[in-house]
C-alpha atoms as a PDB file:
ATOM      1  CA  MET A   1      38.507  45.429  32.616  1.00  0.00           C
ATOM      2  CA  LEU A   2      35.918  42.645  32.969  1.00  0.00           C
ATOM      3  CA  GLU A   3      35.789  40.347  29.861  1.00  0.00           C
ATOM      4  CA  LEU A   4      31.982  40.092  30.048  1.00  0.00           C
ATOM      5  CA  ARG A   5      32.198  36.536  28.790  1.00  0.00           C
ATOM      6  CA  PRO A   6      29.365  35.484  26.390  1.00  0.00           C
ATOM      7  CA  ILE A   7      28.130  32.184  27.838  1.00  0.00           C
ATOM      8  CA  CYS A   8      27.787  30.242  30.988  1.00  0.00           C
ATOM      9  CA  GLU A   9      30.819  28.031  31.432  1.00  0.00           C
ATOM     10  CA  HIS A  10      28.680  25.010  32.516  1.00  0.00           C
ATOM     11  CA  CYS A  11      25.572  24.930  30.283  1.00  0.00           C
ATOM     12  CA  ALA A  12      26.647  27.405  27.574  1.00  0.00           C
ATOM     13  CA  LYS A  13      23.450  29.736  28.153  1.00  0.00           C
ATOM     14  CA  ASP A  14      23.801  32.933  26.261  1.00  0.00           C
ATOM     15  CA  LEU A  15      24.821  35.748  28.656  1.00  0.00           C
ATOM     16  CA  ALA A  16      24.653  38.952  26.721  1.00  0.00           C
ATOM     17  CA  PRO A  17      26.633  41.956  28.200  1.00  0.00           C
ATOM     18  CA  ASP A  18      23.412  43.347  29.806  1.00  0.00           C
ATOM     19  CA  SER A  19      22.211  39.995  31.225  1.00  0.00           C
ATOM     20  CA  GLY A  20      20.863  39.925  34.726  1.00  0.00           C
ATOM     21  CA  GLU A  21      21.562  36.141  34.852  1.00  0.00           C
ATOM     22  CA  ALA A  22      25.431  36.395  34.640  1.00  0.00           C
ATOM     23  CA  MET A  23      27.271  35.626  37.867  1.00  0.00           C
ATOM     24  CA  ILE A  24      30.969  35.789  38.338  1.00  0.00           C
ATOM     25  CA  CYS A  25      33.510  34.862  41.030  1.00  0.00           C
ATOM     26  CA  SER A  26      36.688  36.972  41.776  1.00  0.00           C
ATOM     27  CA  PHE A  27      38.517  35.346  38.826  1.00  0.00           C
ATOM     28  CA  GLU A  28      35.611  36.207  36.442  1.00  0.00           C
ATOM     29  CA  CYS A  29      34.599  32.520  36.048  1.00  0.00           C
ATOM     30  CA  THR A  30      31.126  33.059  34.489  1.00  0.00           C
ATOM     31  CA  PHE A  31      28.002  31.118  35.148  1.00  0.00           C
ATOM     32  CA  CYS A  32      24.246  31.689  35.002  1.00  0.00           C
ATOM     33  CA  ARG A  33      22.088  31.969  38.063  1.00  0.00           C
ATOM     34  CA  ASP A  34      20.781  28.321  37.595  1.00  0.00           C
ATOM     35  CA  CYS A  35      24.299  26.814  37.451  1.00  0.00           C
ATOM     36  CA  VAL A  36      25.456  28.879  40.320  1.00  0.00           C
ATOM     37  CA  THR A  37      22.484  27.284  42.347  1.00  0.00           C
ATOM     38  CA  ALA A  38      23.335  23.921  41.106  1.00  0.00           C
ATOM     39  CA  LEU A  39      27.166  24.543  42.052  1.00  0.00           C
ATOM     40  CA  GLU A  40      25.953  25.565  45.586  1.00  0.00           C
ATOM     41  CA  ASN A  41      27.566  29.083  45.193  1.00  0.00           C
ATOM     42  CA  VAL A  42      31.052  27.479  44.951  1.00  0.00           C
ATOM     43  CA  CYS A  43      33.120  28.207  41.996  1.00  0.00           C
ATOM     44  CA  PRO A  44      34.287  24.888  40.552  1.00  0.00           C
ATOM     45  CA  ASN A  45      37.633  26.502  39.400  1.00  0.00           C
ATOM     46  CA  CYS A  46      38.750  28.424  42.575  1.00  0.00           C
ATOM     47  CA  GLY A  47      36.308  27.593  45.418  1.00  0.00           C
ATOM     48  CA  GLY A  48      35.124  31.158  45.691  1.00  0.00           C
ATOM     49  CA  GLY A  49      31.594  32.411  45.720  1.00  0.00           C
ATOM     50  CA  PHE A  50      29.586  34.243  43.024  1.00  0.00           C
ATOM     51  CA  CYS A  51      28.043  37.773  42.689  1.00  0.00           C
ATOM     52  CA  LEU A  52      26.066  39.295  39.952  1.00  0.00           C
ATOM     53  CA  ARG A  53      28.199  40.478  37.096  1.00  0.00           C
ATOM     54  CA  PRO A  54      28.148  44.221  36.606  1.00  0.00           C
ATOM     55  CA  VAL A  55      26.685  45.635  33.448  1.00  0.00           C
ATOM     56  CA  ARG A  56      28.821  47.949  31.481  1.00  0.00           C
ATOM     57  CA  PRO A  57      27.089  51.179  30.274  1.00  0.00           C
ATOM     58  CA  VAL A  58      25.802  51.114  26.661  1.00  0.00           C
ATOM     59  CA  ARG A  59      25.990  55.003  26.518  1.00  0.00           C
ATOM     60  CA  ASN A  60      29.050  57.183  26.772  1.00  0.00           C
ATOM     61  CA  TRP A  61      28.357  58.965  29.910  1.00  0.00           C
ATOM     62  CA  LYS A  62      31.981  59.831  30.655  1.00  0.00           C
ATOM     63  CA  ALA A  63      35.490  59.363  29.181  1.00  0.00           C
ATOM     64  CA  ASP A  64      34.587  56.633  26.718  1.00  0.00           C
ATOM     65  CA  ASN A  65      33.869  54.148  29.425  1.00  0.00           C
ATOM     66  CA  PHE A  66      31.108  52.337  27.697  1.00  0.00           C
ATOM     67  CA  LEU A  67      30.437  48.965  25.916  1.00  0.00           C
ATOM     68  CA  ALA A  68      31.217  50.261  22.375  1.00  0.00           C
ATOM     69  CA  HIS A  69      34.636  51.388  23.387  1.00  0.00           C
ATOM     70  CA  TYR A  70      35.260  48.276  25.603  1.00  0.00           C
ATOM     71  CA  PRO A  71      33.280  45.638  23.929  1.00  0.00           C
ATOM     72  CA  ALA A  72      32.339  42.306  25.596  1.00  0.00           C
ATOM     73  CA  SER A  73      34.395  39.169  24.866  1.00  0.00           C
ATOM     74  CA  ALA A  74      33.228  37.020  21.982  1.00  0.00           C
ATOM     75  CA  THR A  75      35.249  34.133  23.054  1.00  0.00           C
ATOM     76  CA  PRO A  76      33.325  31.510  24.805  1.00  0.00           C
ATOM     77  CA  LYS A  77      34.714  29.445  27.677  1.00  0.00           C
ATOM     78  CA  HIS A  78      32.604  26.267  27.755  1.00  0.00           C
ATOM     79  CA  ARG A  79      33.970  24.018  30.608  1.00  0.00           C
ATOM     80  CA  PRO A  80      31.087  21.716  31.677  1.00  0.00           C
ATOM     81  CA  VAL A  81      31.457  20.866  35.439  1.00  0.00           C
ATOM     82  CA  ASP A  82      31.237  17.297  36.598  1.00  0.00           C
ATOM     83  CA  LEU A  83      28.541  17.839  39.111  1.00  0.00           C
ATOM     84  CA  GLU A  84      29.124  14.623  40.973  1.00  0.00           C
ATOM     85  CA  LYS A  85      32.804  15.492  41.634  1.00  0.00           C
ATOM     86  CA  HIS A  86      31.820  19.152  42.320  1.00  0.00           C
ATOM     87  CA  ALA A  87      29.408  18.037  45.007  1.00  0.00           C
ATOM     88  CA  SER A  88      32.287  16.524  47.003  1.00  0.00           C
ATOM     89  CA  PHE A  89      34.342  19.509  46.613  1.00  0.00           C
ATOM     90  CA  ALA A  90      31.564  21.895  47.457  1.00  0.00           C
ATOM     91  CA  ALA A  91      30.535  19.842  50.600  1.00  0.00           C
ATOM     92  CA  LEU A  92      33.953  20.809  52.117  1.00  0.00           C
ATOM     93  CA  ILE A  93      33.448  24.624  51.839  1.00  0.00           C
ATOM     94  CA  LYS A  94      29.771  25.582  50.919  1.00  0.00           C
ATOM     95  CA  THR A  95      28.924  26.322  54.549  1.00  0.00           C
ATOM     96  CA  ILE A  96      31.911  28.765  54.871  1.00  0.00           C
ATOM     97  CA  SER A  97      30.764  32.289  53.756  1.00  0.00           C
ATOM     98  CA  PRO A  98      32.528  33.140  50.404  1.00  0.00           C
ATOM     99  CA  ASN A  99      34.257  36.183  52.033  1.00  0.00           C
ATOM    100  CA  GLN A 100      35.829  33.715  54.608  1.00  0.00           C
ATOM    101  CA  ARG A 101      37.002  31.062  52.098  1.00  0.00           C
END
């Protein structure tokens, strides 16, 4: 079950459960679109790429699989990235497609 983390790990921008700005890697590291661009689509924590975070339904369409039954996390993970160090790391792998890393 996705945590739906509440903020961007780098800039702390609010990312509500229905945000179209929330991007995640396969480990659910969560960043806003602007920070993903600044990070050159390279997760600073694992080296993976990012994709748009899914939105959990707000309505109970089926079997209680909706936001009220499975609420978003309220625990922020604010871990600003040292962009200078990240640039060196990203340079090694940013040209490799995320599905090939």
